[in-house]
Amino acid sequence: ALCRTGHLQEAKTVVEKMPMRPNKVIWMSLLRGAKNYVDVEIGEYAAHRLIDLAPECHVPLSNLYAAAGKWEKVSEVRETMKKKGIKKEAGWSLIERKGVIHRFIVGDRSHRETEEIYAKLKEMREKLKEAGHVADTRQVLLRIEEEKDKEAELELHSERLAIAYGLISSKNKSPIRVVKNLTVCNDCHSVTKLL
């Protein structure tokens, strides 16, 4: 709970005072909390203790550096991943409609209703702006300079595509359930609450 609420220094202290040796889950929680709140110092602290326990920790460490704008560090981590044969899992989102599973990836344009989905994304963008939503562009893990381009990148996340499809494919106001293989970024979480 401390990591999720941004109390990272307190979480670090709790981990250091644990009567048993912290395991992979504890260190990964601290690293992910550091990524979410862009705390490079605590993220590096957790990652250095986690590297031997969980080689996959390179991915959230790379994401932390990207969120902090430390692109040289991102390159170093990605090079290490390449040397060790560690691959970043591609994110996807699923939604079921009328007994059919629809799968989306970032920027997906393969769906037969792509035009309608992207029209709904545009409508969602306008409604979100009216509601006062300000995109958390720190969630963009690519080296993009312009804020408007970062906002456009966030709009292409797989969960937003799945939600847009859910909105256009349901005639009534039935719940939309999206399953995702990775953690939802903070911006998409905020957007989902507003929709």
N, C-alpha and C. Protein backbone atom coordinates (compact mmCIF):
# COMPACT_ATOMS: atom_id res chain seq x y z
N ALA A 1 0.82 -1.20 0.00
CA ALA A 1 0.00 0.00 0.00
C ALA A 1 0.87 1.27 0.00
N LEU A 2 1.98 1.23 0.68
CA LEU A 2 2.85 2.41 0.73
C LEU A 2 3.38 2.76 -0.66
N CYS A 3 3.74 1.76 -1.44
CA CYS A 3 4.26 2.01 -2.79
C CYS A 3 3.18 2.57 -3.69
N ARG A 4 1.96 2.06 -3.57
CA ARG A 4 0.87 2.53 -4.43
C ARG A 4 0.45 3.96 -4.12
N THR A 5 0.66 4.38 -2.88
CA THR A 5 0.24 5.73 -2.50
C THR A 5 1.38 6.74 -2.53
N GLY A 6 2.55 6.30 -3.00
CA GLY A 6 3.66 7.24 -3.18
C GLY A 6 4.52 7.45 -1.95
N HIS A 7 4.32 6.67 -0.90
CA HIS A 7 5.14 6.80 0.32
C HIS A 7 6.36 5.88 0.19
N LEU A 8 7.19 6.20 -0.78
CA LEU A 8 8.28 5.30 -1.15
C LEU A 8 9.41 5.26 -0.12
N GLN A 9 9.74 6.38 0.46
CA GLN A 9 10.81 6.39 1.47
C GLN A 9 10.38 5.56 2.67
N GLU A 10 9.12 5.70 3.07
CA GLU A 10 8.59 4.90 4.18
C GLU A 10 8.58 3.41 3.81
N ALA A 11 8.20 3.11 2.58
CA ALA A 11 8.20 1.72 2.12
C ALA A 11 9.62 1.14 2.15
N LYS A 12 10.58 1.93 1.72
CA LYS A 12 11.99 1.49 1.73
C LYS A 12 12.43 1.18 3.15
N THR A 13 12.05 2.03 4.09
CA THR A 13 12.40 1.82 5.50
C THR A 13 11.78 0.53 6.02
N VAL A 14 10.52 0.29 5.69
CA VAL A 14 9.85 -0.94 6.11
C VAL A 14 10.58 -2.16 5.55
N VAL A 15 10.95 -2.10 4.28
CA VAL A 15 11.67 -3.23 3.65
C VAL A 15 13.00 -3.47 4.35
N GLU A 16 13.72 -2.41 4.65
CA GLU A 16 15.03 -2.54 5.30
C GLU A 16 14.92 -3.12 6.71
N LYS A 17 13.79 -2.89 7.38
CA LYS A 17 13.62 -3.35 8.76
C LYS A 17 12.87 -4.68 8.87
N MET A 18 12.55 -5.28 7.74
CA MET A 18 11.84 -6.56 7.77
C MET A 18 12.68 -7.60 8.50
N PRO A 19 12.04 -8.46 9.33
CA PRO A 19 12.81 -9.48 10.04
C PRO A 19 13.34 -10.60 9.13
N MET A 20 12.73 -10.74 7.96
CA MET A 20 13.22 -11.74 7.00
C MET A 20 13.81 -11.03 5.79
N ARG A 21 14.50 -11.79 4.97
CA ARG A 21 15.11 -11.22 3.78
C ARG A 21 14.01 -10.92 2.75
N PRO A 22 13.94 -9.68 2.23
CA PRO A 22 12.91 -9.34 1.24
C PRO A 22 13.04 -10.21 -0.01
N ASN A 23 11.90 -10.62 -0.54
CA ASN A 23 11.90 -11.46 -1.74
C ASN A 23 11.63 -10.63 -2.99
N LYS A 24 11.55 -11.32 -4.10
CA LYS A 24 11.34 -10.70 -5.41
C LYS A 24 10.08 -9.83 -5.44
N VAL A 25 9.01 -10.30 -4.84
CA VAL A 25 7.73 -9.56 -4.85
C VAL A 25 7.88 -8.22 -4.14
N ILE A 26 8.56 -8.22 -3.01
CA ILE A 26 8.77 -6.98 -2.23
C ILE A 26 9.58 -5.98 -3.05
N TRP A 27 10.71 -6.43 -3.60
CA TRP A 27 11.57 -5.53 -4.37
C TRP A 27 10.87 -5.02 -5.63
N MET A 28 10.11 -5.91 -6.29
CA MET A 28 9.40 -5.50 -7.51
C MET A 28 8.33 -4.46 -7.18
N SER A 29 7.65 -4.62 -6.04
CA SER A 29 6.65 -3.63 -5.62
C SER A 29 7.29 -2.26 -5.42
N LEU A 30 8.45 -2.26 -4.78
CA LEU A 30 9.16 -1.00 -4.55
C LEU A 30 9.61 -0.39 -5.87
N LEU A 31 10.12 -1.21 -6.78
CA LEU A 31 10.56 -0.72 -8.09
C LEU A 31 9.38 -0.17 -8.89
N ARG A 32 8.26 -0.87 -8.90
CA ARG A 32 7.10 -0.38 -9.65
C ARG A 32 6.53 0.90 -9.04
N GLY A 33 6.54 0.99 -7.71
CA GLY A 33 6.11 2.22 -7.06
C GLY A 33 7.02 3.38 -7.45
N ALA A 34 8.32 3.11 -7.48
CA ALA A 34 9.29 4.14 -7.89
C ALA A 34 9.04 4.57 -9.33
N LYS A 35 8.69 3.62 -10.20
CA LYS A 35 8.39 3.97 -11.59
C LYS A 35 7.15 4.85 -11.66
N ASN A 36 6.11 4.46 -10.93
CA ASN A 36 4.85 5.23 -10.96
C ASN A 36 5.02 6.65 -10.46
N TYR A 37 5.90 6.84 -9.48
CA TYR A 37 6.10 8.17 -8.91
C TYR A 37 7.42 8.80 -9.35
N VAL A 38 8.06 8.20 -10.35
CA VAL A 38 9.29 8.69 -10.97
C VAL A 38 10.35 9.04 -9.91
N ASP A 39 10.63 8.07 -9.04
CA ASP A 39 11.66 8.22 -8.02
C ASP A 39 12.85 7.34 -8.42
N VAL A 40 13.78 7.94 -9.15
CA VAL A 40 14.91 7.19 -9.71
C VAL A 40 15.78 6.59 -8.61
N GLU A 41 16.02 7.34 -7.55
CA GLU A 41 16.91 6.86 -6.48
C GLU A 41 16.38 5.56 -5.86
N ILE A 42 15.12 5.56 -5.48
CA ILE A 42 14.54 4.36 -4.86
C ILE A 42 14.39 3.25 -5.90
N GLY A 43 14.07 3.60 -7.13
CA GLY A 43 13.97 2.60 -8.18
C GLY A 43 15.29 1.88 -8.41
N GLU A 44 16.38 2.63 -8.46
CA GLU A 44 17.70 2.02 -8.64
C GLU A 44 18.05 1.16 -7.43
N TYR A 45 17.73 1.65 -6.25
CA TYR A 45 17.98 0.90 -5.01
C TYR A 45 17.30 -0.47 -5.08
N ALA A 46 16.03 -0.49 -5.46
CA ALA A 46 15.28 -1.76 -5.56
C ALA A 46 15.82 -2.63 -6.69
N ALA A 47 16.09 -2.03 -7.83
CA ALA A 47 16.55 -2.79 -9.00
C ALA A 47 17.88 -3.48 -8.73
N HIS A 48 18.80 -2.80 -8.06
CA HIS A 48 20.11 -3.40 -7.80
C HIS A 48 20.00 -4.61 -6.88
N ARG A 49 19.00 -4.63 -6.03
CA ARG A 49 18.79 -5.77 -5.14
C ARG A 49 17.97 -6.87 -5.82
N LEU A 50 17.35 -6.52 -6.92
CA LEU A 50 16.43 -7.42 -7.61
C LEU A 50 17.04 -8.12 -8.81
N ILE A 51 18.08 -7.56 -9.37
CA ILE A 51 18.65 -8.05 -10.64
C ILE A 51 18.92 -9.56 -10.61
N ASP A 52 19.51 -10.06 -9.54
CA ASP A 52 19.82 -11.49 -9.48
C ASP A 52 18.57 -12.34 -9.25
N LEU A 53 17.60 -11.80 -8.52
CA LEU A 53 16.38 -12.55 -8.22
C LEU A 53 15.41 -12.59 -9.40
N ALA A 54 15.37 -11.51 -10.16
CA ALA A 54 14.38 -11.39 -11.23
C ALA A 54 14.94 -10.59 -12.40
N PRO A 55 15.50 -11.26 -13.38
CA PRO A 55 16.06 -10.53 -14.53
C PRO A 55 15.02 -9.66 -15.24
N GLU A 56 13.74 -10.01 -15.12
CA GLU A 56 12.70 -9.21 -15.78
C GLU A 56 12.54 -7.82 -15.16
N CYS A 57 13.24 -7.55 -14.06
CA CYS A 57 13.17 -6.22 -13.44
C CYS A 57 13.78 -5.15 -14.33
N HIS A 58 14.52 -5.56 -15.34
CA HIS A 58 15.10 -4.58 -16.26
C HIS A 58 14.01 -3.76 -16.96
N VAL A 59 12.86 -4.37 -17.21
CA VAL A 59 11.78 -3.67 -17.93
C VAL A 59 11.25 -2.50 -17.10
N PRO A 60 10.80 -2.71 -15.83
CA PRO A 60 10.34 -1.53 -15.08
C PRO A 60 11.44 -0.52 -14.81
N LEU A 61 12.69 -0.98 -14.70
CA LEU A 61 13.80 -0.03 -14.52
C LEU A 61 13.96 0.84 -15.77
N SER A 62 13.90 0.23 -16.93
CA SER A 62 13.96 0.98 -18.19
C SER A 62 12.79 1.96 -18.27
N ASN A 63 11.60 1.51 -17.87
CA ASN A 63 10.42 2.38 -17.89
C ASN A 63 10.57 3.55 -16.92
N LEU A 64 11.17 3.29 -15.76
CA LEU A 64 11.42 4.36 -14.79
C LEU A 64 12.34 5.42 -15.39
N TYR A 65 13.43 4.97 -16.01
CA TYR A 65 14.36 5.92 -16.63
C TYR A 65 13.67 6.71 -17.75
N ALA A 66 12.82 6.04 -18.51
CA ALA A 66 12.09 6.74 -19.59
C ALA A 66 11.17 7.79 -19.00
N ALA A 67 10.44 7.44 -17.93
CA ALA A 67 9.53 8.39 -17.30
C ALA A 67 10.28 9.60 -16.74
N ALA A 68 11.53 9.36 -16.31
CA ALA A 68 12.36 10.45 -15.77
C ALA A 68 13.12 11.20 -16.86
N GLY A 69 12.99 10.75 -18.12
CA GLY A 69 13.67 11.41 -19.23
C GLY A 69 15.16 11.11 -19.29
N LYS A 70 15.59 10.03 -18.66
CA LYS A 70 17.01 9.64 -18.65
C LYS A 70 17.25 8.64 -19.78
N TRP A 71 17.29 9.16 -21.00
CA TRP A 71 17.33 8.31 -22.19
C TRP A 71 18.63 7.54 -22.34
N GLU A 72 19.74 8.08 -21.85
CA GLU A 72 21.00 7.33 -21.92
C GLU A 72 20.94 6.10 -21.03
N LYS A 73 20.31 6.25 -19.86
CA LYS A 73 20.13 5.12 -18.95
C LYS A 73 19.19 4.09 -19.57
N VAL A 74 18.15 4.57 -20.25
CA VAL A 74 17.23 3.65 -20.94
C VAL A 74 18.02 2.81 -21.94
N SER A 75 18.87 3.46 -22.71
CA SER A 75 19.69 2.75 -23.71
C SER A 75 20.59 1.72 -23.05
N GLU A 76 21.20 2.08 -21.92
CA GLU A 76 22.08 1.15 -21.20
C GLU A 76 21.31 -0.09 -20.76
N VAL A 77 20.13 0.13 -20.16
CA VAL A 77 19.33 -1.00 -19.67
C VAL A 77 18.88 -1.87 -20.84
N ARG A 78 18.43 -1.24 -21.91
CA ARG A 78 17.97 -2.01 -23.07
C ARG A 78 19.12 -2.80 -23.71
N GLU A 79 20.31 -2.24 -23.70
CA GLU A 79 21.47 -2.96 -24.23
C GLU A 79 21.78 -4.17 -23.34
N THR A 80 21.70 -3.98 -22.03
CA THR A 80 21.90 -5.10 -21.10
C THR A 80 20.85 -6.18 -21.34
N MET A 81 19.60 -5.77 -21.52
CA MET A 81 18.53 -6.73 -21.80
C MET A 81 18.84 -7.52 -23.07
N LYS A 82 19.29 -6.81 -24.08
CA LYS A 82 19.61 -7.46 -25.36
C LYS A 82 20.72 -8.50 -25.17
N LYS A 83 21.76 -8.12 -24.43
CA LYS A 83 22.88 -9.04 -24.18
C LYS A 83 22.44 -10.27 -23.40
N LYS A 84 21.50 -10.07 -22.46
CA LYS A 84 21.03 -11.18 -21.63
C LYS A 84 19.86 -11.94 -22.25
N GLY A 85 19.41 -11.49 -23.42
CA GLY A 85 18.30 -12.17 -24.09
C GLY A 85 16.95 -11.93 -23.42
N ILE A 86 16.81 -10.82 -22.71
CA ILE A 86 15.56 -10.48 -22.03
C ILE A 86 14.71 -9.64 -22.97
N LYS A 87 13.50 -10.09 -23.23
CA LYS A 87 12.61 -9.35 -24.13
C LYS A 87 11.47 -8.73 -23.33
N LYS A 88 11.09 -7.54 -23.73
CA LYS A 88 9.95 -6.87 -23.12
C LYS A 88 8.68 -7.46 -23.72
N GLU A 89 7.77 -7.88 -22.85
CA GLU A 89 6.51 -8.45 -23.32
C GLU A 89 5.64 -7.36 -23.93
N ALA A 90 5.09 -7.65 -25.09
CA ALA A 90 4.20 -6.68 -25.74
C ALA A 90 2.88 -6.61 -24.98
N GLY A 91 2.37 -5.41 -24.82
CA GLY A 91 1.09 -5.23 -24.13
C GLY A 91 -0.09 -5.46 -25.06
N TRP A 92 -1.16 -6.04 -24.51
CA TRP A 92 -2.39 -6.23 -25.28
C TRP A 92 -3.58 -6.12 -24.34
N SER A 93 -4.71 -5.84 -24.91
CA SER A 93 -5.97 -5.78 -24.17
C SER A 93 -7.01 -6.60 -24.92
N LEU A 94 -7.87 -7.26 -24.15
CA LEU A 94 -8.94 -8.07 -24.72
C LEU A 94 -10.30 -7.55 -24.28
N ILE A 95 -11.26 -7.67 -25.16
CA ILE A 95 -12.65 -7.38 -24.82
C ILE A 95 -13.51 -8.42 -25.54
N GLU A 96 -14.54 -8.89 -24.86
CA GLU A 96 -15.43 -9.88 -25.46
C GLU A 96 -16.74 -9.20 -25.84
N ARG A 97 -17.17 -9.47 -27.05
CA ARG A 97 -18.45 -8.96 -27.54
C ARG A 97 -19.14 -10.07 -28.31
N LYS A 98 -20.38 -10.40 -27.88
CA LYS A 98 -21.21 -11.42 -28.54
C LYS A 98 -20.46 -12.73 -28.72
N GLY A 99 -19.73 -13.14 -27.67
CA GLY A 99 -19.03 -14.41 -27.68
C GLY A 99 -17.72 -14.41 -28.46
N VAL A 100 -17.29 -13.27 -28.97
CA VAL A 100 -16.04 -13.18 -29.73
C VAL A 100 -15.04 -12.32 -28.95
N ILE A 101 -13.82 -12.83 -28.82
CA ILE A 101 -12.75 -12.08 -28.15
C ILE A 101 -12.06 -11.19 -29.18
N HIS A 102 -11.94 -9.91 -28.85
CA HIS A 102 -11.25 -8.95 -29.72
C HIS A 102 -9.97 -8.53 -28.99
N ARG A 103 -8.84 -8.65 -29.66
CA ARG A 103 -7.53 -8.36 -29.07
C ARG A 103 -6.95 -7.11 -29.74
N PHE A 104 -6.43 -6.22 -28.88
CA PHE A 104 -5.83 -4.97 -29.37
C PHE A 104 -4.42 -4.84 -28.83
N ILE A 105 -3.54 -4.28 -29.66
CA ILE A 105 -2.20 -3.90 -29.23
C ILE A 105 -2.07 -2.39 -29.44
N VAL A 106 -1.00 -1.81 -28.94
CA VAL A 106 -0.79 -0.36 -29.08
C VAL A 106 -0.84 0.04 -30.55
N GLY A 107 -1.64 1.07 -30.84
CA GLY A 107 -1.71 1.61 -32.20
C GLY A 107 -2.33 0.67 -33.21
N ASP A 108 -3.05 -0.32 -32.74
CA ASP A 108 -3.63 -1.36 -33.60
C ASP A 108 -4.57 -0.76 -34.65
N ARG A 109 -4.39 -1.18 -35.89
CA ARG A 109 -5.29 -0.78 -36.97
C ARG A 109 -5.76 -2.01 -37.76
N SER A 110 -5.69 -3.18 -37.12
CA SER A 110 -6.03 -4.41 -37.83
C SER A 110 -7.50 -4.81 -37.67
N HIS A 111 -8.20 -4.19 -36.74
CA HIS A 111 -9.59 -4.56 -36.50
C HIS A 111 -10.47 -4.14 -37.67
N ARG A 112 -11.48 -4.94 -37.96
CA ARG A 112 -12.35 -4.63 -39.10
C ARG A 112 -13.15 -3.34 -38.90
N GLU A 113 -13.25 -2.87 -37.66
CA GLU A 113 -13.97 -1.62 -37.39
C GLU A 113 -13.02 -0.50 -36.97
N THR A 114 -11.82 -0.53 -37.52
CA THR A 114 -10.79 0.45 -37.16
C THR A 114 -11.26 1.89 -37.32
N GLU A 115 -11.91 2.20 -38.43
CA GLU A 115 -12.34 3.59 -38.67
C GLU A 115 -13.28 4.06 -37.57
N GLU A 116 -14.24 3.21 -37.20
CA GLU A 116 -15.20 3.56 -36.15
C GLU A 116 -14.50 3.69 -34.79
N ILE A 117 -13.54 2.80 -34.53
CA ILE A 117 -12.80 2.84 -33.27
C ILE A 117 -12.03 4.15 -33.14
N TYR A 118 -11.35 4.55 -34.20
CA TYR A 118 -10.56 5.78 -34.15
C TYR A 118 -11.46 7.02 -34.11
N ALA A 119 -12.63 6.94 -34.71
CA ALA A 119 -13.59 8.05 -34.59
C ALA A 119 -14.06 8.17 -33.14
N LYS A 120 -14.28 7.04 -32.48
CA LYS A 120 -14.69 7.04 -31.07
C LYS A 120 -13.56 7.56 -30.19
N LEU A 121 -12.31 7.22 -30.52
CA LEU A 121 -11.16 7.75 -29.76
C LEU A 121 -11.14 9.28 -29.83
N LYS A 122 -11.41 9.82 -31.01
CA LYS A 122 -11.43 11.27 -31.18
C LYS A 122 -12.54 11.88 -30.32
N GLU A 123 -13.71 11.26 -30.34
CA GLU A 123 -14.83 11.73 -29.51
C GLU A 123 -14.47 11.65 -28.03
N MET A 124 -13.81 10.55 -27.62
CA MET A 124 -13.39 10.40 -26.23
C MET A 124 -12.42 11.51 -25.84
N ARG A 125 -11.47 11.83 -26.74
CA ARG A 125 -10.49 12.89 -26.48
C ARG A 125 -11.19 14.21 -26.19
N GLU A 126 -12.19 14.54 -27.01
CA GLU A 126 -12.92 15.80 -26.84
C GLU A 126 -13.68 15.82 -25.52
N LYS A 127 -14.32 14.70 -25.17
CA LYS A 127 -15.06 14.64 -23.90
C LYS A 127 -14.13 14.72 -22.70
N LEU A 128 -12.97 14.12 -22.81
CA LEU A 128 -11.99 14.17 -21.73
C LEU A 128 -11.48 15.59 -21.51
N LYS A 129 -11.23 16.30 -22.61
CA LYS A 129 -10.79 17.70 -22.48
C LYS A 129 -11.87 18.55 -21.82
N GLU A 130 -13.13 18.32 -22.22
CA GLU A 130 -14.25 19.04 -21.61
C GLU A 130 -14.33 18.76 -20.11
N ALA A 131 -13.98 17.53 -19.72
CA ALA A 131 -14.03 17.14 -18.31
C ALA A 131 -12.81 17.64 -17.53
N GLY A 132 -11.86 18.28 -18.24
CA GLY A 132 -10.69 18.85 -17.59
C GLY A 132 -9.50 17.90 -17.46
N HIS A 133 -9.55 16.79 -18.17
CA HIS A 133 -8.43 15.84 -18.10
C HIS A 133 -7.17 16.44 -18.73
N VAL A 134 -6.07 16.32 -18.00
CA VAL A 134 -4.75 16.71 -18.51
C VAL A 134 -3.92 15.43 -18.58
N ALA A 135 -3.46 15.10 -19.76
CA ALA A 135 -2.72 13.84 -19.95
C ALA A 135 -1.44 13.82 -19.12
N ASP A 136 -1.18 12.68 -18.51
CA ASP A 136 0.07 12.47 -17.77
C ASP A 136 1.10 11.93 -18.76
N THR A 137 1.76 12.82 -19.45
CA THR A 137 2.66 12.43 -20.53
C THR A 137 3.95 11.77 -20.01
N ARG A 138 4.15 11.75 -18.69
CA ARG A 138 5.29 11.00 -18.15
C ARG A 138 5.13 9.51 -18.41
N GLN A 139 3.90 9.10 -18.72
CA GLN A 139 3.62 7.69 -18.98
C GLN A 139 4.07 7.25 -20.37
N VAL A 140 4.48 8.19 -21.20
CA VAL A 140 4.98 7.86 -22.54
C VAL A 140 6.43 7.42 -22.39
N LEU A 141 6.69 6.18 -22.77
CA LEU A 141 8.01 5.60 -22.55
C LEU A 141 8.86 5.59 -23.81
N LEU A 142 8.53 6.49 -24.72
CA LEU A 142 9.28 6.65 -25.95
C LEU A 142 9.89 8.05 -25.96
N ARG A 143 10.96 8.21 -26.68
CA ARG A 143 11.61 9.52 -26.75
C ARG A 143 10.86 10.39 -27.75
N ILE A 144 9.89 11.12 -27.25
CA ILE A 144 9.06 12.02 -28.06
C ILE A 144 9.16 13.39 -27.41
N GLU A 145 9.45 14.41 -28.19
CA GLU A 145 9.70 15.74 -27.63
C GLU A 145 8.42 16.55 -27.42
N GLU A 146 7.53 16.58 -28.40
CA GLU A 146 6.35 17.44 -28.36
C GLU A 146 5.26 16.86 -27.46
N GLU A 147 4.69 17.70 -26.59
CA GLU A 147 3.63 17.26 -25.69
C GLU A 147 2.42 16.71 -26.44
N LYS A 148 2.04 17.38 -27.53
CA LYS A 148 0.86 16.92 -28.28
C LYS A 148 1.11 15.55 -28.89
N ASP A 149 2.35 15.27 -29.27
CA ASP A 149 2.70 13.95 -29.81
C ASP A 149 2.67 12.89 -28.71
N LYS A 150 3.09 13.28 -27.50
CA LYS A 150 3.02 12.36 -26.36
C LYS A 150 1.56 12.04 -26.03
N GLU A 151 0.71 13.06 -26.05
CA GLU A 151 -0.72 12.84 -25.80
C GLU A 151 -1.31 11.90 -26.84
N ALA A 152 -0.93 12.10 -28.09
CA ALA A 152 -1.43 11.23 -29.17
C ALA A 152 -0.97 9.79 -28.96
N GLU A 153 0.24 9.61 -28.47
CA GLU A 153 0.76 8.26 -28.21
C GLU A 153 -0.05 7.57 -27.11
N LEU A 154 -0.40 8.32 -26.06
CA LEU A 154 -1.20 7.74 -24.98
C LEU A 154 -2.56 7.27 -25.48
N GLU A 155 -3.12 8.01 -26.42
CA GLU A 155 -4.45 7.66 -26.95
C GLU A 155 -4.44 6.34 -27.70
N LEU A 156 -3.28 5.86 -28.08
CA LEU A 156 -3.18 4.62 -28.85
C LEU A 156 -2.95 3.39 -27.98
N HIS A 157 -2.94 3.56 -26.65
CA HIS A 157 -2.74 2.41 -25.78
C HIS A 157 -3.85 1.39 -26.01
N SER A 158 -3.49 0.13 -25.87
CA SER A 158 -4.42 -0.96 -26.22
C SER A 158 -5.72 -0.92 -25.43
N GLU A 159 -5.66 -0.52 -24.15
CA GLU A 159 -6.89 -0.49 -23.36
C GLU A 159 -7.85 0.59 -23.87
N ARG A 160 -7.32 1.69 -24.38
CA ARG A 160 -8.20 2.73 -24.92
C ARG A 160 -8.86 2.26 -26.21
N LEU A 161 -8.11 1.53 -27.02
CA LEU A 161 -8.70 0.97 -28.24
C LEU A 161 -9.81 -0.01 -27.89
N ALA A 162 -9.56 -0.86 -26.88
CA ALA A 162 -10.57 -1.83 -26.46
C ALA A 162 -11.80 -1.13 -25.89
N ILE A 163 -11.59 -0.08 -25.11
CA ILE A 163 -12.72 0.67 -24.56
C ILE A 163 -13.51 1.33 -25.68
N ALA A 164 -12.82 1.93 -26.63
CA ALA A 164 -13.50 2.57 -27.76
C ALA A 164 -14.34 1.54 -28.51
N TYR A 165 -13.77 0.36 -28.73
CA TYR A 165 -14.54 -0.69 -29.41
C TYR A 165 -15.75 -1.11 -28.55
N GLY A 166 -15.54 -1.22 -27.25
CA GLY A 166 -16.64 -1.57 -26.35
C GLY A 166 -17.77 -0.55 -26.42
N LEU A 167 -17.42 0.71 -26.50
CA LEU A 167 -18.44 1.77 -26.57
C LEU A 167 -19.21 1.74 -27.89
N ILE A 168 -18.53 1.46 -28.98
CA ILE A 168 -19.25 1.45 -30.27
C ILE A 168 -20.01 0.16 -30.49
N SER A 169 -19.62 -0.91 -29.79
CA SER A 169 -20.25 -2.21 -30.04
C SER A 169 -21.37 -2.54 -29.07
N SER A 170 -21.59 -1.71 -28.05
CA SER A 170 -22.70 -1.99 -27.14
C SER A 170 -23.81 -0.98 -27.36
N LYS A 171 -24.99 -1.50 -27.56
CA LYS A 171 -26.15 -0.65 -27.84
C LYS A 171 -26.69 0.00 -26.57
N ASN A 172 -26.60 -0.72 -25.47
CA ASN A 172 -27.08 -0.15 -24.21
C ASN A 172 -25.89 0.24 -23.35
N LYS A 173 -26.15 0.64 -22.14
CA LYS A 173 -25.06 1.08 -21.26
C LYS A 173 -24.55 -0.08 -20.41
N SER A 174 -24.32 -1.21 -21.04
CA SER A 174 -23.81 -2.37 -20.31
C SER A 174 -22.35 -2.14 -19.94
N PRO A 175 -21.90 -2.78 -18.86
CA PRO A 175 -20.50 -2.61 -18.45
C PRO A 175 -19.53 -3.08 -19.54
N ILE A 176 -18.40 -2.42 -19.58
CA ILE A 176 -17.33 -2.81 -20.51
C ILE A 176 -16.22 -3.41 -19.66
N ARG A 177 -15.85 -4.63 -19.98
CA ARG A 177 -14.78 -5.31 -19.24
C ARG A 177 -13.60 -5.54 -20.18
N VAL A 178 -12.48 -4.99 -19.80
CA VAL A 178 -11.26 -5.13 -20.59
C VAL A 178 -10.24 -5.90 -19.76
N VAL A 179 -9.63 -6.91 -20.36
CA VAL A 179 -8.58 -7.68 -19.71
C VAL A 179 -7.26 -7.26 -20.36
N LYS A 180 -6.25 -7.03 -19.50
CA LYS A 180 -4.96 -6.56 -20.00
C LYS A 180 -3.86 -7.43 -19.43
N ASN A 181 -2.83 -7.69 -20.21
CA ASN A 181 -1.75 -8.55 -19.74
C ASN A 181 -0.70 -7.79 -18.93
N LEU A 182 -0.66 -6.48 -19.03
CA LEU A 182 0.31 -5.68 -18.29
C LEU A 182 -0.43 -4.67 -17.42
N THR A 183 0.31 -3.97 -16.59
CA THR A 183 -0.27 -2.94 -15.74
C THR A 183 -0.79 -1.78 -16.57
N VAL A 184 -1.93 -1.25 -16.17
CA VAL A 184 -2.51 -0.07 -16.84
C VAL A 184 -1.71 1.15 -16.41
N CYS A 185 -1.31 2.00 -17.35
CA CYS A 185 -0.56 3.20 -17.00
C CYS A 185 -1.47 4.17 -16.24
N ASN A 186 -0.87 5.06 -15.47
CA ASN A 186 -1.64 6.01 -14.65
C ASN A 186 -2.58 6.85 -15.49
N ASP A 187 -2.15 7.28 -16.67
CA ASP A 187 -3.01 8.13 -17.49
C ASP A 187 -4.23 7.36 -17.97
N CYS A 188 -4.04 6.13 -18.43
CA CYS A 188 -5.19 5.33 -18.89
C CYS A 188 -6.12 5.02 -17.73
N HIS A 189 -5.58 4.84 -16.54
CA HIS A 189 -6.41 4.61 -15.35
C HIS A 189 -7.29 5.84 -15.09
N SER A 190 -6.70 7.02 -15.16
CA SER A 190 -7.46 8.26 -14.96
C SER A 190 -8.53 8.44 -16.03
N VAL A 191 -8.16 8.15 -17.27
CA VAL A 191 -9.10 8.28 -18.39
C VAL A 191 -10.29 7.35 -18.20
N THR A 192 -10.01 6.12 -17.80
CA THR A 192 -11.07 5.13 -17.61
C THR A 192 -12.06 5.59 -16.55
N LYS A 193 -11.55 6.18 -15.48
CA LYS A 193 -12.45 6.67 -14.42
C LYS A 193 -13.34 7.79 -14.94
N LEU A 194 -12.80 8.64 -15.80
CA LEU A 194 -13.58 9.77 -16.32
C LEU A 194 -14.62 9.34 -17.35
N LEU A 195 -14.34 8.26 -18.08
CA LEU A 195 -15.28 7.81 -19.10
C LEU A 195 -16.48 7.17 -18.45
